[in-house]
Amino acid sequence: MKFPRVKKCPFCGGNATLFRNASSQRWSTSYYVRVRCEVCDSQGKTFRCDNDPADGNWETYECYQAICAWNMRAKEEEETNPNQS
């Protein structure tokens, strides 16, 4: 799967990168990825991962989804879904 480049922040124009965090429960840890702006801290949609991407594998489907969600812009969404109001 070819990963798209992460677009600049639509709010401030700053650089944005993939970001991950973990949530630990008593018996397990869940990992989450999203794109976050390095300047204004705007964040995209969060996706749950089964494995920790910080272990060296950022090329997962969840990371791909996070980048695609961040890169989607309102005008592009209207063009792809012209029948939605």
PDB file of N, CA and C in Angstrom:
ATOM      1  N   MET A   1       0.847  -1.166   0.000  1.00  0.00           N
ATOM      2  CA  MET A   1       0.000   0.000   0.000  1.00  0.00           C
ATOM      3  C   MET A   1       0.898   1.236   0.000  1.00  0.00           C
ATOM      4  N   LYS A   2       0.647   2.142  -0.926  1.00  0.00           N
ATOM      5  CA  LYS A   2       1.424   3.372  -1.010  1.00  0.00           C
ATOM      6  C   LYS A   2       0.795   4.416  -0.088  1.00  0.00           C
ATOM      7  N   PHE A   3       1.584   4.926   0.814  1.00  0.00           N
ATOM      8  CA  PHE A   3       1.084   5.908   1.763  1.00  0.00           C
ATOM      9  C   PHE A   3       1.085   7.297   1.145  1.00  0.00           C
ATOM     10  N   PRO A   4      -0.015   8.040   1.316  1.00  0.00           N
ATOM     11  CA  PRO A   4      -0.030   9.422   0.840  1.00  0.00           C
ATOM     12  C   PRO A   4       0.796  10.303   1.775  1.00  0.00           C
ATOM     13  N   ARG A   5       1.246  11.421   1.263  1.00  0.00           N
ATOM     14  CA  ARG A   5       1.949  12.351   2.159  1.00  0.00           C
ATOM     15  C   ARG A   5       0.905  13.061   3.002  1.00  0.00           C
ATOM     16  N   VAL A   6       1.278  13.468   4.185  1.00  0.00           N
ATOM     17  CA  VAL A   6       0.361  14.168   5.088  1.00  0.00           C
ATOM     18  C   VAL A   6       0.312  15.634   4.663  1.00  0.00           C
ATOM     19  N   LYS A   7      -0.904  16.129   4.415  1.00  0.00           N
ATOM     20  CA  LYS A   7      -1.070  17.524   4.015  1.00  0.00           C
ATOM     21  C   LYS A   7      -0.835  18.451   5.199  1.00  0.00           C
ATOM     22  N   LYS A   8      -0.568  19.719   4.871  1.00  0.00           N
ATOM     23  CA  LYS A   8      -0.413  20.749   5.907  1.00  0.00           C
ATOM     24  C   LYS A   8      -1.746  20.946   6.625  1.00  0.00           C
ATOM     25  N   CYS A   9      -1.687  21.535   7.789  1.00  0.00           N
ATOM     26  CA  CYS A   9      -2.883  21.792   8.590  1.00  0.00           C
ATOM     27  C   CYS A   9      -3.824  22.733   7.837  1.00  0.00           C
ATOM     28  N   PRO A  10      -5.122  22.389   7.765  1.00  0.00           N
ATOM     29  CA  PRO A  10      -6.062  23.261   7.070  1.00  0.00           C
ATOM     30  C   PRO A  10      -6.396  24.527   7.867  1.00  0.00           C
ATOM     31  N   PHE A  11      -6.011  24.571   9.132  1.00  0.00           N
ATOM     32  CA  PHE A  11      -6.345  25.712   9.976  1.00  0.00           C
ATOM     33  C   PHE A  11      -5.223  26.737  10.060  1.00  0.00           C
ATOM     34  N   CYS A  12      -3.985  26.253  10.240  1.00  0.00           N
ATOM     35  CA  CYS A  12      -2.870  27.191  10.410  1.00  0.00           C
ATOM     36  C   CYS A  12      -1.790  27.041   9.346  1.00  0.00           C
ATOM     37  N   GLY A  13      -1.841  25.984   8.548  1.00  0.00           N
ATOM     38  CA  GLY A  13      -0.822  25.760   7.522  1.00  0.00           C
ATOM     39  C   GLY A  13       0.440  25.093   8.044  1.00  0.00           C
ATOM     40  N   GLY A  14       0.427  24.697   9.307  1.00  0.00           N
ATOM     41  CA  GLY A  14       1.593  24.063   9.917  1.00  0.00           C
ATOM     42  C   GLY A  14       1.781  22.624   9.459  1.00  0.00           C
ATOM     43  N   ASN A  15       2.947  22.068   9.760  1.00  0.00           N
ATOM     44  CA  ASN A  15       3.218  20.665   9.443  1.00  0.00           C
ATOM     45  C   ASN A  15       2.430  19.761  10.373  1.00  0.00           C
ATOM     46  N   ALA A  16       1.992  18.645   9.820  1.00  0.00           N
ATOM     47  CA  ALA A  16       1.240  17.669  10.605  1.00  0.00           C
ATOM     48  C   ALA A  16       1.923  16.309  10.473  1.00  0.00           C
ATOM     49  N   THR A  17       1.848  15.519  11.525  1.00  0.00           N
ATOM     50  CA  THR A  17       2.482  14.202  11.535  1.00  0.00           C
ATOM     51  C   THR A  17       1.570  13.180  12.210  1.00  0.00           C
ATOM     52  N   LEU A  18       1.883  11.912  11.965  1.00  0.00           N
ATOM     53  CA  LEU A  18       1.176  10.839  12.665  1.00  0.00           C
ATOM     54  C   LEU A  18       1.570  10.865  14.130  1.00  0.00           C
ATOM     55  N   PHE A  19       0.616  10.619  14.974  1.00  0.00           N
ATOM     56  CA  PHE A  19       0.815  10.637  16.416  1.00  0.00           C
ATOM     57  C   PHE A  19       0.131   9.414  16.982  1.00  0.00           C
ATOM     58  N   ARG A  20       0.731   8.788  17.969  1.00  0.00           N
ATOM     59  CA  ARG A  20       0.104   7.627  18.596  1.00  0.00           C
ATOM     60  C   ARG A  20       0.065   7.816  20.099  1.00  0.00           C
ATOM     61  N   ASN A  21      -0.948   7.229  20.708  1.00  0.00           N
ATOM     62  CA  ASN A  21      -0.984   7.175  22.163  1.00  0.00           C
ATOM     63  C   ASN A  21      -1.503   5.807  22.572  1.00  0.00           C
ATOM     64  N   ALA A  22      -1.311   5.497  23.824  1.00  0.00           N
ATOM     65  CA  ALA A  22      -1.698   4.184  24.346  1.00  0.00           C
ATOM     66  C   ALA A  22      -2.630   4.366  25.535  1.00  0.00           C
ATOM     67  N   SER A  23      -3.507   3.414  25.684  1.00  0.00           N
ATOM     68  CA  SER A  23      -4.422   3.399  26.808  1.00  0.00           C
ATOM     69  C   SER A  23      -4.323   2.023  27.455  1.00  0.00           C
ATOM     70  N   SER A  24      -3.857   1.993  28.693  1.00  0.00           N
ATOM     71  CA  SER A  24      -3.667   0.718  29.373  1.00  0.00           C
ATOM     72  C   SER A  24      -4.829   0.400  30.295  1.00  0.00           C
ATOM     73  N   GLN A  25      -5.295  -0.817  30.177  1.00  0.00           N
ATOM     74  CA  GLN A  25      -6.284  -1.346  31.089  1.00  0.00           C
ATOM     75  C   GLN A  25      -5.568  -2.390  31.943  1.00  0.00           C
ATOM     76  N   ARG A  26      -6.264  -3.007  32.788  1.00  0.00           N
ATOM     77  CA  ARG A  26      -5.645  -3.971  33.692  1.00  0.00           C
ATOM     78  C   ARG A  26      -4.883  -5.079  32.962  1.00  0.00           C
ATOM     79  N   TRP A  27      -5.483  -5.663  31.913  1.00  0.00           N
ATOM     80  CA  TRP A  27      -4.858  -6.810  31.256  1.00  0.00           C
ATOM     81  C   TRP A  27      -4.359  -6.535  29.847  1.00  0.00           C
ATOM     82  N   SER A  28      -4.616  -5.346  29.334  1.00  0.00           N
ATOM     83  CA  SER A  28      -4.207  -5.101  27.956  1.00  0.00           C
ATOM     84  C   SER A  28      -3.941  -3.620  27.710  1.00  0.00           C
ATOM     85  N   THR A  29      -3.310  -3.354  26.598  1.00  0.00           N
ATOM     86  CA  THR A  29      -3.026  -1.992  26.169  1.00  0.00           C
ATOM     87  C   THR A  29      -3.590  -1.804  24.775  1.00  0.00           C
ATOM     88  N   SER A  30      -4.275  -0.715  24.562  1.00  0.00           N
ATOM     89  CA  SER A  30      -4.792  -0.373  23.237  1.00  0.00           C
ATOM     90  C   SER A  30      -3.983   0.792  22.693  1.00  0.00           C
ATOM     91  N   TYR A  31      -3.762   0.803  21.395  1.00  0.00           N
ATOM     92  CA  TYR A  31      -2.995   1.851  20.752  1.00  0.00           C
ATOM     93  C   TYR A  31      -3.890   2.603  19.774  1.00  0.00           C
ATOM     94  N   TYR A  32      -3.676   3.896  19.683  1.00  0.00           N
ATOM     95  CA  TYR A  32      -4.482   4.747  18.818  1.00  0.00           C
ATOM     96  C   TYR A  32      -3.568   5.644  17.991  1.00  0.00           C
ATOM     97  N   VAL A  33      -3.941   5.879  16.738  1.00  0.00           N
ATOM     98  CA  VAL A  33      -3.171   6.771  15.874  1.00  0.00           C
ATOM     99  C   VAL A  33      -4.088   7.842  15.297  1.00  0.00           C
ATOM    100  N   ARG A  34      -3.502   8.989  15.054  1.00  0.00           N
ATOM    101  CA  ARG A  34      -4.196  10.090  14.394  1.00  0.00           C
ATOM    102  C   ARG A  34      -3.126  11.044  13.875  1.00  0.00           C
ATOM    103  N   VAL A  35      -3.539  11.955  13.028  1.00  0.00           N
ATOM    104  CA  VAL A  35      -2.632  12.991  12.556  1.00  0.00           C
ATOM    105  C   VAL A  35      -2.872  14.227  13.413  1.00  0.00           C
ATOM    106  N   ARG A  36      -1.780  14.861  13.796  1.00  0.00           N
ATOM    107  CA  ARG A  36      -1.871  16.048  14.641  1.00  0.00           C
ATOM    108  C   ARG A  36      -0.965  17.139  14.095  1.00  0.00           C
ATOM    109  N   CYS A  37      -1.456  18.382  14.119  1.00  0.00           N
ATOM    110  CA  CYS A  37      -0.666  19.526  13.680  1.00  0.00           C
ATOM    111  C   CYS A  37       0.390  19.836  14.738  1.00  0.00           C
ATOM    112  N   GLU A  38       1.619  20.059  14.285  1.00  0.00           N
ATOM    113  CA  GLU A  38       2.715  20.362  15.209  1.00  0.00           C
ATOM    114  C   GLU A  38       2.651  21.794  15.730  1.00  0.00           C
ATOM    115  N   VAL A  39       1.869  22.649  15.072  1.00  0.00           N
ATOM    116  CA  VAL A  39       1.806  24.056  15.452  1.00  0.00           C
ATOM    117  C   VAL A  39       0.600  24.354  16.349  1.00  0.00           C
ATOM    118  N   CYS A  40      -0.609  24.055  15.861  1.00  0.00           N
ATOM    119  CA  CYS A  40      -1.816  24.434  16.610  1.00  0.00           C
ATOM    120  C   CYS A  40      -2.483  23.259  17.328  1.00  0.00           C
ATOM    121  N   ASP A  41      -1.918  22.066  17.207  1.00  0.00           N
ATOM    122  CA  ASP A  41      -2.423  20.850  17.863  1.00  0.00           C
ATOM    123  C   ASP A  41      -3.794  20.389  17.380  1.00  0.00           C
ATOM    124  N   SER A  42      -4.242  20.860  16.213  1.00  0.00           N
ATOM    125  CA  SER A  42      -5.470  20.310  15.637  1.00  0.00           C
ATOM    126  C   SER A  42      -5.242  18.830  15.376  1.00  0.00           C
ATOM    127  N   GLN A  43      -6.307  18.041  15.526  1.00  0.00           N
ATOM    128  CA  GLN A  43      -6.176  16.602  15.370  1.00  0.00           C
ATOM    129  C   GLN A  43      -7.230  16.061  14.438  1.00  0.00           C
ATOM    130  N   GLY A  44      -6.857  15.000  13.729  1.00  0.00           N
ATOM    131  CA  GLY A  44      -7.794  14.310  12.860  1.00  0.00           C
ATOM    132  C   GLY A  44      -8.478  13.172  13.598  1.00  0.00           C
ATOM    133  N   LYS A  45      -9.214  12.392  12.858  1.00  0.00           N
ATOM    134  CA  LYS A  45      -9.943  11.253  13.413  1.00  0.00           C
ATOM    135  C   LYS A  45      -8.966  10.234  13.997  1.00  0.00           C
ATOM    136  N   THR A  46      -9.348   9.608  15.084  1.00  0.00           N
ATOM    137  CA  THR A  46      -8.515   8.620  15.773  1.00  0.00           C
ATOM    138  C   THR A  46      -8.904   7.210  15.349  1.00  0.00           C
ATOM    139  N   PHE A  47      -7.890   6.360  15.134  1.00  0.00           N
ATOM    140  CA  PHE A  47      -8.104   4.969  14.753  1.00  0.00           C
ATOM    141  C   PHE A  47      -7.371   4.059  15.731  1.00  0.00           C
ATOM    142  N   ARG A  48      -8.030   2.981  16.140  1.00  0.00           N
ATOM    143  CA  ARG A  48      -7.448   2.012  17.077  1.00  0.00           C
ATOM    144  C   ARG A  48      -6.584   1.013  16.325  1.00  0.00           C
ATOM    145  N   CYS A  49      -5.408   0.710  16.896  1.00  0.00           N
ATOM    146  CA  CYS A  49      -4.466  -0.265  16.318  1.00  0.00           C
ATOM    147  C   CYS A  49      -4.344  -1.461  17.257  1.00  0.00           C
ATOM    148  N   ASP A  50      -4.111  -2.629  16.693  1.00  0.00           N
ATOM    149  CA  ASP A  50      -3.874  -3.817  17.523  1.00  0.00           C
ATOM    150  C   ASP A  50      -2.446  -3.851  18.041  1.00  0.00           C
ATOM    151  N   ASN A  51      -1.515  -3.292  17.269  1.00  0.00           N
ATOM    152  CA  ASN A  51      -0.100  -3.291  17.655  1.00  0.00           C
ATOM    153  C   ASN A  51       0.408  -1.866  17.772  1.00  0.00           C
ATOM    154  N   ASP A  52       1.455  -1.696  18.550  1.00  0.00           N
ATOM    155  CA  ASP A  52       2.036  -0.375  18.765  1.00  0.00           C
ATOM    156  C   ASP A  52       2.838   0.055  17.538  1.00  0.00           C
ATOM    157  N   PRO A  53       2.408   1.097  16.827  1.00  0.00           N
ATOM    158  CA  PRO A  53       3.166   1.525  15.653  1.00  0.00           C
ATOM    159  C   PRO A  53       4.544   2.072  16.016  1.00  0.00           C
ATOM    160  N   ALA A  54       4.730   2.499  17.253  1.00  0.00           N
ATOM    161  CA  ALA A  54       6.023   3.010  17.682  1.00  0.00           C
ATOM    162  C   ALA A  54       7.083   1.911  17.736  1.00  0.00           C
ATOM    163  N   ASP A  55       6.656   0.650  17.642  1.00  0.00           N
ATOM    164  CA  ASP A  55       7.614  -0.463  17.596  1.00  0.00           C
ATOM    165  C   ASP A  55       8.288  -0.570  16.233  1.00  0.00           C
ATOM    166  N   GLY A  56       7.994   0.359  15.330  1.00  0.00           N
ATOM    167  CA  GLY A  56       8.685   0.384  14.048  1.00  0.00           C
ATOM    168  C   GLY A  56       7.809   0.178  12.835  1.00  0.00           C
ATOM    169  N   ASN A  57       6.539  -0.122  13.026  1.00  0.00           N
ATOM    170  CA  ASN A  57       5.675  -0.344  11.868  1.00  0.00           C
ATOM    171  C   ASN A  57       4.576   0.702  11.807  1.00  0.00           C
ATOM    172  N   TRP A  58       4.891   1.838  11.186  1.00  0.00           N
ATOM    173  CA  TRP A  58       3.907   2.899  11.003  1.00  0.00           C
ATOM    174  C   TRP A  58       3.106   2.672   9.731  1.00  0.00           C
ATOM    175  N   GLU A  59       3.479   1.711   8.921  1.00  0.00           N
ATOM    176  CA  GLU A  59       2.779   1.463   7.661  1.00  0.00           C
ATOM    177  C   GLU A  59       1.673   0.430   7.855  1.00  0.00           C
ATOM    178  N   THR A  60       0.718   0.792   8.687  1.00  0.00           N
ATOM    179  CA  THR A  60      -0.424  -0.073   8.947  1.00  0.00           C
ATOM    180  C   THR A  60      -1.663   0.520   8.288  1.00  0.00           C
ATOM    181  N   TYR A  61      -2.697  -0.275   8.178  1.00  0.00           N
ATOM    182  CA  TYR A  61      -3.943   0.203   7.594  1.00  0.00           C
ATOM    183  C   TYR A  61      -4.536   1.337   8.429  1.00  0.00           C
ATOM    184  N   GLU A  62      -4.404   1.259   9.743  1.00  0.00           N
ATOM    185  CA  GLU A  62      -4.934   2.295  10.618  1.00  0.00           C
ATOM    186  C   GLU A  62      -4.210   3.620  10.406  1.00  0.00           C
ATOM    187  N   CYS A  63      -2.898   3.565  10.222  1.00  0.00           N
ATOM    188  CA  CYS A  63      -2.137   4.787   9.942  1.00  0.00           C
ATOM    189  C   CYS A  63      -2.549   5.368   8.592  1.00  0.00           C
ATOM    190  N   TYR A  64      -2.746   4.494   7.625  1.00  0.00           N
ATOM    191  CA  TYR A  64      -3.207   4.916   6.308  1.00  0.00           C
ATOM    192  C   TYR A  64      -4.566   5.609   6.416  1.00  0.00           C
ATOM    193  N   GLN A  65      -5.484   5.024   7.182  1.00  0.00           N
ATOM    194  CA  GLN A  65      -6.808   5.628   7.375  1.00  0.00           C
ATOM    195  C   GLN A  65      -6.697   6.996   8.046  1.00  0.00           C
ATOM    196  N   ALA A  66      -5.820   7.118   9.034  1.00  0.00           N
ATOM    197  CA  ALA A  66      -5.651   8.389   9.743  1.00  0.00           C
ATOM    198  C   ALA A  66      -5.143   9.475   8.799  1.00  0.00           C
ATOM    199  N   ILE A  67      -4.200   9.122   7.935  1.00  0.00           N
ATOM    200  CA  ILE A  67      -3.674  10.092   6.974  1.00  0.00           C
ATOM    201  C   ILE A  67      -4.757  10.495   5.977  1.00  0.00           C
ATOM    202  N   CYS A  68      -5.489   9.528   5.455  1.00  0.00           N
ATOM    203  CA  CYS A  68      -6.556   9.825   4.491  1.00  0.00           C
ATOM    204  C   CYS A  68      -7.647  10.693   5.113  1.00  0.00           C
ATOM    205  N   ALA A  69      -8.004  10.420   6.365  1.00  0.00           N
ATOM    206  CA  ALA A  69      -9.016  11.227   7.044  1.00  0.00           C
ATOM    207  C   ALA A  69      -8.526  12.665   7.225  1.00  0.00           C
ATOM    208  N   TRP A  70      -7.266  12.823   7.609  1.00  0.00           N
ATOM    209  CA  TRP A  70      -6.695  14.165   7.787  1.00  0.00           C
ATOM    210  C   TRP A  70      -6.624  14.903   6.456  1.00  0.00           C
ATOM    211  N   ASN A  71      -6.237  14.196   5.418  1.00  0.00           N
ATOM    212  CA  ASN A  71      -6.064  14.836   4.115  1.00  0.00           C
ATOM    213  C   ASN A  71      -7.377  15.225   3.445  1.00  0.00           C
ATOM    214  N   MET A  72      -8.492  14.655   3.880  1.00  0.00           N
ATOM    215  CA  MET A  72      -9.789  14.979   3.283  1.00  0.00           C
ATOM    216  C   MET A  72     -10.154  16.414   3.648  1.00  0.00           C
ATOM    217  N   ARG A  73     -10.524  17.181   2.651  1.00  0.00           N
ATOM    218  CA  ARG A  73     -10.938  18.569   2.864  1.00  0.00           C
ATOM    219  C   ARG A  73     -12.409  18.711   2.499  1.00  0.00           C
ATOM    220  N   ALA A  74     -13.081  19.679   3.076  1.00  0.00           N
ATOM    221  CA  ALA A  74     -14.523  19.846   2.873  1.00  0.00           C
ATOM    222  C   ALA A  74     -14.883  19.932   1.399  1.00  0.00           C
ATOM    223  N   LYS A  75     -14.163  20.693   0.615  1.00  0.00           N
ATOM    224  CA  LYS A  75     -14.471  20.832  -0.801  1.00  0.00           C
ATOM    225  C   LYS A  75     -14.329  19.495  -1.516  1.00  0.00           C
ATOM    226  N   GLU A  76     -13.275  18.749  -1.192  1.00  0.00           N
ATOM    227  CA  GLU A  76     -13.076  17.429  -1.788  1.00  0.00           C
ATOM    228  C   GLU A  76     -14.206  16.489  -1.405  1.00  0.00           C
ATOM    229  N   GLU A  77     -14.671  16.575  -0.165  1.00  0.00           N
ATOM    230  CA  GLU A  77     -15.753  15.712   0.301  1.00  0.00           C
ATOM    231  C   GLU A  77     -17.039  16.028  -0.458  1.00  0.00           C
ATOM    232  N   GLU A  78     -17.309  17.308  -0.696  1.00  0.00           N
ATOM    233  CA  GLU A  78     -18.489  17.695  -1.470  1.00  0.00           C
ATOM    234  C   GLU A  78     -18.400  17.169  -2.899  1.00  0.00           C
ATOM    235  N   GLU A  79     -17.193  17.195  -3.476  1.00  0.00           N
ATOM    236  CA  GLU A  79     -17.013  16.705  -4.843  1.00  0.00           C
ATOM    237  C   GLU A  79     -17.194  15.201  -4.929  1.00  0.00           C
ATOM    238  N   THR A  80     -16.781  14.478  -3.881  1.00  0.00           N
ATOM    239  CA  THR A  80     -16.916  13.027  -3.909  1.00  0.00           C
ATOM    240  C   THR A  80     -18.312  12.571  -3.537  1.00  0.00           C
ATOM    241  N   ASN A  81     -19.039  13.365  -2.766  1.00  0.00           N
ATOM    242  CA  ASN A  81     -20.400  13.033  -2.334  1.00  0.00           C
ATOM    243  C   ASN A  81     -21.359  14.165  -2.707  1.00  0.00           C
ATOM    244  N   PRO A  82     -21.598  14.408  -3.984  1.00  0.00           N
ATOM    245  CA  PRO A  82     -22.409  15.571  -4.378  1.00  0.00           C
ATOM    246  C   PRO A  82     -23.876  15.467  -3.960  1.00  0.00           C
ATOM    247  N   ASN A  83     -24.394  14.286  -3.664  1.00  0.00           N
ATOM    248  CA  ASN A  83     -25.812  14.135  -3.311  1.00  0.00           C
ATOM    249  C   ASN A  83     -26.094  14.308  -1.830  1.00  0.00           C
ATOM    250  N   GLN A  84     -25.055  14.429  -1.015  1.00  0.00           N
ATOM    251  CA  GLN A  84     -25.266  14.585   0.425  1.00  0.00           C
ATOM    252  C   GLN A  84     -25.477  16.053   0.746  1.00  0.00           C
ATOM    253  N   SER A  85     -26.414  16.316   1.648  1.00  0.00           N
ATOM    254  CA  SER A  85     -26.691  17.706   2.034  1.00  0.00           C
ATOM    255  C   SER A  85     -26.290  17.941   3.460  1.00  0.00           C
TER     256      SER A  85
END
